[in-house]
Amino acid sequence: MGLPPSRGIEHQIDLVPRASLPSRPTYRTNPQETKEIESQVQKLLEKGWVRKSLSPCVVPVLLVPKKDGKQEGWQVENVL
């Protein structure tokens, strides 16, 4: 798949020296939700759209209903 074409805009993240990393607890999920999250994350890994991280930070995710009412299921959303 690869990266999208360059659009001439450069982005950067300015880091603050000695700043602490955000640390939030993960949201509790029932077994069905946990299975759905794991399934969707596995699909994203297989497509190469996400990768595993060794970061000490945890970024919570939520399951939200898909916008298309005809499709059953959920989609994973990051909570920042």
PDB file of N, CA and C in Angstrom:
ATOM      1  N   MET A   1       0.839  -1.179   0.000  1.00  0.00           N
ATOM      2  CA  MET A   1       0.000   0.000   0.000  1.00  0.00           C
ATOM      3  C   MET A   1       0.884   1.243   0.000  1.00  0.00           C
ATOM      4  N   GLY A   2       1.663   1.478   1.024  1.00  0.00           N
ATOM      5  CA  GLY A   2       2.592   2.599   1.049  1.00  0.00           C
ATOM      6  C   GLY A   2       1.985   3.902   1.531  1.00  0.00           C
ATOM      7  N   LEU A   3       2.782   4.940   1.419  1.00  0.00           N
ATOM      8  CA  LEU A   3       2.370   6.267   1.880  1.00  0.00           C
ATOM      9  C   LEU A   3       1.631   7.021   0.782  1.00  0.00           C
ATOM     10  N   PRO A   4       0.775   7.967   1.169  1.00  0.00           N
ATOM     11  CA  PRO A   4       0.101   8.791   0.163  1.00  0.00           C
ATOM     12  C   PRO A   4       1.107   9.738  -0.487  1.00  0.00           C
ATOM     13  N   PRO A   5       0.760  10.317  -1.637  1.00  0.00           N
ATOM     14  CA  PRO A   5       1.689  11.238  -2.294  1.00  0.00           C
ATOM     15  C   PRO A   5       1.970  12.464  -1.424  1.00  0.00           C
ATOM     16  N   SER A   6       3.172  13.005  -1.564  1.00  0.00           N
ATOM     17  CA  SER A   6       3.549  14.201  -0.807  1.00  0.00           C
ATOM     18  C   SER A   6       2.695  15.381  -1.247  1.00  0.00           C
ATOM     19  N   ARG A   7       2.233  16.150  -0.276  1.00  0.00           N
ATOM     20  CA  ARG A   7       1.389  17.306  -0.575  1.00  0.00           C
ATOM     21  C   ARG A   7       2.098  18.622  -0.265  1.00  0.00           C
ATOM     22  N   GLY A   8       3.401  18.552   0.021  1.00  0.00           N
ATOM     23  CA  GLY A   8       4.161  19.764   0.262  1.00  0.00           C
ATOM     24  C   GLY A   8       3.965  20.360   1.646  1.00  0.00           C
ATOM     25  N   ILE A   9       3.351  19.625   2.555  1.00  0.00           N
ATOM     26  CA  ILE A   9       3.130  20.110   3.917  1.00  0.00           C
ATOM     27  C   ILE A   9       3.929  19.221   4.863  1.00  0.00           C
ATOM     28  N   GLU A  10       4.763  19.829   5.674  1.00  0.00           N
ATOM     29  CA  GLU A  10       5.568  19.096   6.645  1.00  0.00           C
ATOM     30  C   GLU A  10       4.959  19.260   8.034  1.00  0.00           C
ATOM     31  N   HIS A  11       4.788  18.165   8.736  1.00  0.00           N
ATOM     32  CA  HIS A  11       4.264  18.207  10.101  1.00  0.00           C
ATOM     33  C   HIS A  11       5.358  17.765  11.061  1.00  0.00           C
ATOM     34  N   GLN A  12       5.295  18.283  12.264  1.00  0.00           N
ATOM     35  CA  GLN A  12       6.238  17.856  13.287  1.00  0.00           C
ATOM     36  C   GLN A  12       5.560  17.913  14.643  1.00  0.00           C
ATOM     37  N   ILE A  13       6.098  17.141  15.551  1.00  0.00           N
ATOM     38  CA  ILE A  13       5.613  17.145  16.930  1.00  0.00           C
ATOM     39  C   ILE A  13       6.751  17.668  17.791  1.00  0.00           C
ATOM     40  N   ASP A  14       6.530  18.785  18.446  1.00  0.00           N
ATOM     41  CA  ASP A  14       7.538  19.365  19.318  1.00  0.00           C
ATOM     42  C   ASP A  14       7.429  18.709  20.692  1.00  0.00           C
ATOM     43  N   LEU A  15       8.504  18.056  21.115  1.00  0.00           N
ATOM     44  CA  LEU A  15       8.517  17.373  22.402  1.00  0.00           C
ATOM     45  C   LEU A  15       8.991  18.322  23.495  1.00  0.00           C
ATOM     46  N   VAL A  16       8.432  18.159  24.669  1.00  0.00           N
ATOM     47  CA  VAL A  16       8.813  18.956  25.826  1.00  0.00           C
ATOM     48  C   VAL A  16       9.815  18.134  26.641  1.00  0.00           C
ATOM     49  N   PRO A  17      11.031  18.654  26.852  1.00  0.00           N
ATOM     50  CA  PRO A  17      12.032  17.899  27.614  1.00  0.00           C
ATOM     51  C   PRO A  17      11.517  17.520  29.007  1.00  0.00           C
ATOM     52  N   ARG A  18      11.791  16.305  29.415  1.00  0.00           N
ATOM     53  CA  ARG A  18      11.447  15.754  30.735  1.00  0.00           C
ATOM     54  C   ARG A  18       9.941  15.736  31.010  1.00  0.00           C
ATOM     55  N   ALA A  19       9.126  15.848  29.994  1.00  0.00           N
ATOM     56  CA  ALA A  19       7.672  15.767  30.194  1.00  0.00           C
ATOM     57  C   ALA A  19       7.296  14.311  30.447  1.00  0.00           C
ATOM     58  N   SER A  20       6.318  14.100  31.299  1.00  0.00           N
ATOM     59  CA  SER A  20       5.886  12.728  31.578  1.00  0.00           C
ATOM     60  C   SER A  20       4.944  12.251  30.473  1.00  0.00           C
ATOM     61  N   LEU A  21       4.985  10.967  30.230  1.00  0.00           N
ATOM     62  CA  LEU A  21       4.119  10.379  29.220  1.00  0.00           C
ATOM     63  C   LEU A  21       2.713  10.230  29.780  1.00  0.00           C
ATOM     64  N   PRO A  22       1.703  10.435  28.945  1.00  0.00           N
ATOM     65  CA  PRO A  22       0.334  10.249  29.437  1.00  0.00           C
ATOM     66  C   PRO A  22       0.099   8.778  29.758  1.00  0.00           C
ATOM     67  N   SER A  23      -0.571   8.535  30.834  1.00  0.00           N
ATOM     68  CA  SER A  23      -0.850   7.162  31.231  1.00  0.00           C
ATOM     69  C   SER A  23      -2.295   7.080  31.691  1.00  0.00           C
ATOM     70  N   ARG A  24      -3.098   6.362  30.934  1.00  0.00           N
ATOM     71  CA  ARG A  24      -4.509   6.193  31.273  1.00  0.00           C
ATOM     72  C   ARG A  24      -4.806   4.713  31.429  1.00  0.00           C
ATOM     73  N   PRO A  25      -5.694   4.376  32.318  1.00  0.00           N
ATOM     74  CA  PRO A  25      -6.073   2.965  32.420  1.00  0.00           C
ATOM     75  C   PRO A  25      -6.898   2.558  31.201  1.00  0.00           C
ATOM     76  N   THR A  26      -6.822   1.289  30.857  1.00  0.00           N
ATOM     77  CA  THR A  26      -7.638   0.798  29.747  1.00  0.00           C
ATOM     78  C   THR A  26      -9.084   0.665  30.209  1.00  0.00           C
ATOM     79  N   TYR A  27      -9.995   0.744  29.251  1.00  0.00           N
ATOM     80  CA  TYR A  27     -11.407   0.574  29.573  1.00  0.00           C
ATOM     81  C   TYR A  27     -11.713  -0.909  29.726  1.00  0.00           C
ATOM     82  N   ARG A  28     -12.549  -1.226  30.677  1.00  0.00           N
ATOM     83  CA  ARG A  28     -12.956  -2.614  30.864  1.00  0.00           C
ATOM     84  C   ARG A  28     -13.932  -2.992  29.759  1.00  0.00           C
ATOM     85  N   THR A  29     -13.780  -4.198  29.248  1.00  0.00           N
ATOM     86  CA  THR A  29     -14.684  -4.691  28.217  1.00  0.00           C
ATOM     87  C   THR A  29     -15.159  -6.084  28.599  1.00  0.00           C
ATOM     88  N   ASN A  30     -16.339  -6.429  28.108  1.00  0.00           N
ATOM     89  CA  ASN A  30     -16.827  -7.780  28.359  1.00  0.00           C
ATOM     90  C   ASN A  30     -16.135  -8.729  27.372  1.00  0.00           C
ATOM     91  N   PRO A  31     -16.246 -10.038  27.568  1.00  0.00           N
ATOM     92  CA  PRO A  31     -15.549 -10.988  26.693  1.00  0.00           C
ATOM     93  C   PRO A  31     -15.878 -10.818  25.206  1.00  0.00           C
ATOM     94  N   GLN A  32     -17.123 -10.507  24.879  1.00  0.00           N
ATOM     95  CA  GLN A  32     -17.511 -10.325  23.476  1.00  0.00           C
ATOM     96  C   GLN A  32     -16.809  -9.098  22.882  1.00  0.00           C
ATOM     97  N   GLU A  33     -16.766  -7.998  23.630  1.00  0.00           N
ATOM     98  CA  GLU A  33     -16.095  -6.786  23.152  1.00  0.00           C
ATOM     99  C   GLU A  33     -14.592  -7.020  23.004  1.00  0.00           C
ATOM    100  N   THR A  34     -14.002  -7.711  23.980  1.00  0.00           N
ATOM    101  CA  THR A  34     -12.572  -8.010  23.919  1.00  0.00           C
ATOM    102  C   THR A  34     -12.249  -8.821  22.672  1.00  0.00           C
ATOM    103  N   LYS A  35     -13.069  -9.822  22.385  1.00  0.00           N
ATOM    104  CA  LYS A  35     -12.868 -10.656  21.199  1.00  0.00           C
ATOM    105  C   LYS A  35     -12.979  -9.820  19.923  1.00  0.00           C
ATOM    106  N   GLU A  36     -13.950  -8.908  19.867  1.00  0.00           N
ATOM    107  CA  GLU A  36     -14.140  -8.051  18.692  1.00  0.00           C
ATOM    108  C   GLU A  36     -12.954  -7.109  18.505  1.00  0.00           C
ATOM    109  N   ILE A  37     -12.468  -6.509  19.592  1.00  0.00           N
ATOM    110  CA  ILE A  37     -11.309  -5.612  19.504  1.00  0.00           C
ATOM    111  C   ILE A  37     -10.092  -6.386  18.998  1.00  0.00           C
ATOM    112  N   GLU A  38      -9.841  -7.563  19.571  1.00  0.00           N
ATOM    113  CA  GLU A  38      -8.693  -8.367  19.153  1.00  0.00           C
ATOM    114  C   GLU A  38      -8.797  -8.750  17.679  1.00  0.00           C
ATOM    115  N   SER A  39      -9.998  -9.094  17.231  1.00  0.00           N
ATOM    116  CA  SER A  39     -10.218  -9.470  15.833  1.00  0.00           C
ATOM    117  C   SER A  39      -9.925  -8.297  14.901  1.00  0.00           C
ATOM    118  N   GLN A  40     -10.443  -7.129  15.243  1.00  0.00           N
ATOM    119  CA  GLN A  40     -10.239  -5.961  14.381  1.00  0.00           C
ATOM    120  C   GLN A  40      -8.781  -5.509  14.375  1.00  0.00           C
ATOM    121  N   VAL A  41      -8.138  -5.552  15.525  1.00  0.00           N
ATOM    122  CA  VAL A  41      -6.726  -5.170  15.583  1.00  0.00           C
ATOM    123  C   VAL A  41      -5.895  -6.149  14.752  1.00  0.00           C
ATOM    124  N   GLN A  42      -6.207  -7.437  14.822  1.00  0.00           N
ATOM    125  CA  GLN A  42      -5.486  -8.432  14.025  1.00  0.00           C
ATOM    126  C   GLN A  42      -5.641  -8.149  12.529  1.00  0.00           C
ATOM    127  N   LYS A  43      -6.848  -7.793  12.101  1.00  0.00           N
ATOM    128  CA  LYS A  43      -7.081  -7.460  10.687  1.00  0.00           C
ATOM    129  C   LYS A  43      -6.258  -6.238  10.277  1.00  0.00           C
ATOM    130  N   LEU A  44      -6.202  -5.228  11.148  1.00  0.00           N
ATOM    131  CA  LEU A  44      -5.420  -4.024  10.851  1.00  0.00           C
ATOM    132  C   LEU A  44      -3.925  -4.340  10.776  1.00  0.00           C
ATOM    133  N   LEU A  45      -3.451  -5.232  11.660  1.00  0.00           N
ATOM    134  CA  LEU A  45      -2.052  -5.654  11.621  1.00  0.00           C
ATOM    135  C   LEU A  45      -1.742  -6.373  10.313  1.00  0.00           C
ATOM    136  N   GLU A  46      -2.635  -7.279   9.902  1.00  0.00           N
ATOM    137  CA  GLU A  46      -2.432  -8.045   8.673  1.00  0.00           C
ATOM    138  C   GLU A  46      -2.407  -7.144   7.443  1.00  0.00           C
ATOM    139  N   LYS A  47      -3.198  -6.078   7.455  1.00  0.00           N
ATOM    140  CA  LYS A  47      -3.230  -5.141   6.329  1.00  0.00           C
ATOM    141  C   LYS A  47      -2.031  -4.190   6.346  1.00  0.00           C
ATOM    142  N   GLY A  48      -1.316  -4.142   7.458  1.00  0.00           N
ATOM    143  CA  GLY A  48      -0.182  -3.234   7.577  1.00  0.00           C
ATOM    144  C   GLY A  48      -0.586  -1.809   7.907  1.00  0.00           C
ATOM    145  N   TRP A  49      -1.824  -1.625   8.337  1.00  0.00           N
ATOM    146  CA  TRP A  49      -2.317  -0.279   8.650  1.00  0.00           C
ATOM    147  C   TRP A  49      -1.906   0.162  10.046  1.00  0.00           C
ATOM    148  N   VAL A  50      -1.583  -0.784  10.917  1.00  0.00           N
ATOM    149  CA  VAL A  50      -1.086  -0.490  12.257  1.00  0.00           C
ATOM    150  C   VAL A  50       0.084  -1.429  12.517  1.00  0.00           C
ATOM    151  N   ARG A  51       0.842  -1.138  13.545  1.00  0.00           N
ATOM    152  CA  ARG A  51       1.932  -2.018  13.937  1.00  0.00           C
ATOM    153  C   ARG A  51       1.980  -2.097  15.454  1.00  0.00           C
ATOM    154  N   LYS A  52       2.597  -3.152  15.950  1.00  0.00           N
ATOM    155  CA  LYS A  52       2.728  -3.324  17.393  1.00  0.00           C
ATOM    156  C   LYS A  52       3.670  -2.257  17.935  1.00  0.00           C
ATOM    157  N   SER A  53       3.414  -1.854  19.159  1.00  0.00           N
ATOM    158  CA  SER A  53       4.203  -0.808  19.784  1.00  0.00           C
ATOM    159  C   SER A  53       4.827  -1.320  21.073  1.00  0.00           C
ATOM    160  N   LEU A  54       6.010  -0.841  21.369  1.00  0.00           N
ATOM    161  CA  LEU A  54       6.673  -1.147  22.637  1.00  0.00           C
ATOM    162  C   LEU A  54       6.582   0.037  23.594  1.00  0.00           C
ATOM    163  N   SER A  55       5.736   0.987  23.274  1.00  0.00           N
ATOM    164  CA  SER A  55       5.583   2.187  24.089  1.00  0.00           C
ATOM    165  C   SER A  55       5.049   1.834  25.475  1.00  0.00           C
ATOM    166  N   PRO A  56       5.537   2.523  26.509  1.00  0.00           N
ATOM    167  CA  PRO A  56       5.002   2.294  27.847  1.00  0.00           C
ATOM    168  C   PRO A  56       3.612   2.913  28.027  1.00  0.00           C
ATOM    169  N   CYS A  57       3.161   3.695  27.049  1.00  0.00           N
ATOM    170  CA  CYS A  57       1.842   4.332  27.128  1.00  0.00           C
ATOM    171  C   CYS A  57       0.770   3.401  26.576  1.00  0.00           C
ATOM    172  N   VAL A  58      -0.395   3.490  27.152  1.00  0.00           N
ATOM    173  CA  VAL A  58      -1.547   2.743  26.664  1.00  0.00           C
ATOM    174  C   VAL A  58      -2.539   3.743  26.095  1.00  0.00           C
ATOM    175  N   VAL A  59      -2.994   3.515  24.879  1.00  0.00           N
ATOM    176  CA  VAL A  59      -4.009   4.370  24.272  1.00  0.00           C
ATOM    177  C   VAL A  59      -5.306   3.581  24.251  1.00  0.00           C
ATOM    178  N   PRO A  60      -6.294   4.011  25.030  1.00  0.00           N
ATOM    179  CA  PRO A  60      -7.552   3.263  25.078  1.00  0.00           C
ATOM    180  C   PRO A  60      -8.275   3.265  23.733  1.00  0.00           C
ATOM    181  N   VAL A  61      -9.060   2.250  23.511  1.00  0.00           N
ATOM    182  CA  VAL A  61      -9.919   2.176  22.330  1.00  0.00           C
ATOM    183  C   VAL A  61     -11.352   1.957  22.789  1.00  0.00           C
ATOM    184  N   LEU A  62     -12.267   2.374  21.948  1.00  0.00           N
ATOM    185  CA  LEU A  62     -13.691   2.149  22.193  1.00  0.00           C
ATOM    186  C   LEU A  62     -14.282   1.428  21.000  1.00  0.00           C
ATOM    187  N   LEU A  63     -15.298   0.632  21.228  1.00  0.00           N
ATOM    188  CA  LEU A  63     -16.084   0.065  20.144  1.00  0.00           C
ATOM    189  C   LEU A  63     -17.281   0.972  19.942  1.00  0.00           C
ATOM    190  N   VAL A  64     -17.436   1.473  18.733  1.00  0.00           N
ATOM    191  CA  VAL A  64     -18.582   2.331  18.425  1.00  0.00           C
ATOM    192  C   VAL A  64     -19.349   1.716  17.265  1.00  0.00           C
ATOM    193  N   PRO A  65     -20.673   1.886  17.241  1.00  0.00           N
ATOM    194  CA  PRO A  65     -21.450   1.326  16.130  1.00  0.00           C
ATOM    195  C   PRO A  65     -21.026   1.956  14.807  1.00  0.00           C
ATOM    196  N   LYS A  66     -21.013   1.153  13.745  1.00  0.00           N
ATOM    197  CA  LYS A  66     -20.693   1.687  12.421  1.00  0.00           C
ATOM    198  C   LYS A  66     -21.781   2.642  11.978  1.00  0.00           C
ATOM    199  N   LYS A  67     -21.400   3.638  11.180  1.00  0.00           N
ATOM    200  CA  LYS A  67     -22.356   4.641  10.711  1.00  0.00           C
ATOM    201  C   LYS A  67     -23.384   4.040   9.765  1.00  0.00           C
ATOM    202  N   ASP A  68     -22.975   3.037   8.992  1.00  0.00           N
ATOM    203  CA  ASP A  68     -23.878   2.390   8.045  1.00  0.00           C
ATOM    204  C   ASP A  68     -24.802   1.452   8.812  1.00  0.00           C
ATOM    205  N   GLY A  69     -26.041   1.836   8.987  1.00  0.00           N
ATOM    206  CA  GLY A  69     -26.988   1.041   9.754  1.00  0.00           C
ATOM    207  C   GLY A  69     -27.251  -0.331   9.172  1.00  0.00           C
ATOM    208  N   LYS A  70     -26.930  -0.538   7.880  1.00  0.00           N
ATOM    209  CA  LYS A  70     -27.172  -1.823   7.239  1.00  0.00           C
ATOM    210  C   LYS A  70     -26.133  -2.862   7.638  1.00  0.00           C
ATOM    211  N   GLN A  71     -24.956  -2.408   8.006  1.00  0.00           N
ATOM    212  CA  GLN A  71     -23.897  -3.334   8.384  1.00  0.00           C
ATOM    213  C   GLN A  71     -23.946  -3.594   9.880  1.00  0.00           C
ATOM    214  N   GLU A  72     -23.884  -4.851  10.222  1.00  0.00           N
ATOM    215  CA  GLU A  72     -23.792  -5.175  11.638  1.00  0.00           C
ATOM    216  C   GLU A  72     -22.338  -5.060  12.055  1.00  0.00           C
ATOM    217  N   GLY A  73     -22.129  -4.825  13.302  1.00  0.00           N
ATOM    218  CA  GLY A  73     -20.773  -4.808  13.810  1.00  0.00           C
ATOM    219  C   GLY A  73     -20.364  -3.476  14.395  1.00  0.00           C
ATOM    220  N   TRP A  74     -19.095  -3.411  14.682  1.00  0.00           N
ATOM    221  CA  TRP A  74     -18.517  -2.271  15.372  1.00  0.00           C
ATOM    222  C   TRP A  74     -17.226  -1.890  14.687  1.00  0.00           C
ATOM    223  N   GLN A  75     -16.746  -0.711  15.007  1.00  0.00           N
ATOM    224  CA  GLN A  75     -15.412  -0.324  14.572  1.00  0.00           C
ATOM    225  C   GLN A  75     -14.633   0.160  15.781  1.00  0.00           C
ATOM    226  N   VAL A  76     -13.334  -0.037  15.739  1.00  0.00           N
ATOM    227  CA  VAL A  76     -12.459   0.365  16.833  1.00  0.00           C
ATOM    228  C   VAL A  76     -12.072   1.820  16.633  1.00  0.00           C
ATOM    229  N   GLU A  77     -12.190   2.629  17.681  1.00  0.00           N
ATOM    230  CA  GLU A  77     -11.816   4.045  17.648  1.00  0.00           C
ATOM    231  C   GLU A  77     -10.814   4.321  18.756  1.00  0.00           C
ATOM    232  N   ASN A  78      -9.757   5.050  18.436  1.00  0.00           N
ATOM    233  CA  ASN A  78      -8.806   5.484  19.461  1.00  0.00           C
ATOM    234  C   ASN A  78      -9.405   6.616  20.267  1.00  0.00           C
ATOM    235  N   VAL A  79      -9.070   6.653  21.514  1.00  0.00           N
ATOM    236  CA  VAL A  79      -9.501   7.731  22.398  1.00  0.00           C
ATOM    237  C   VAL A  79      -8.245   8.474  22.818  1.00  0.00           C
ATOM    238  N   LEU A  80      -8.120   9.703  22.365  1.00  0.00           N
ATOM    239  CA  LEU A  80      -6.928  10.485  22.717  1.00  0.00           C
ATOM    240  C   LEU A  80      -7.289  11.622  23.629  1.00  0.00           C
TER     241      LEU A  80
END
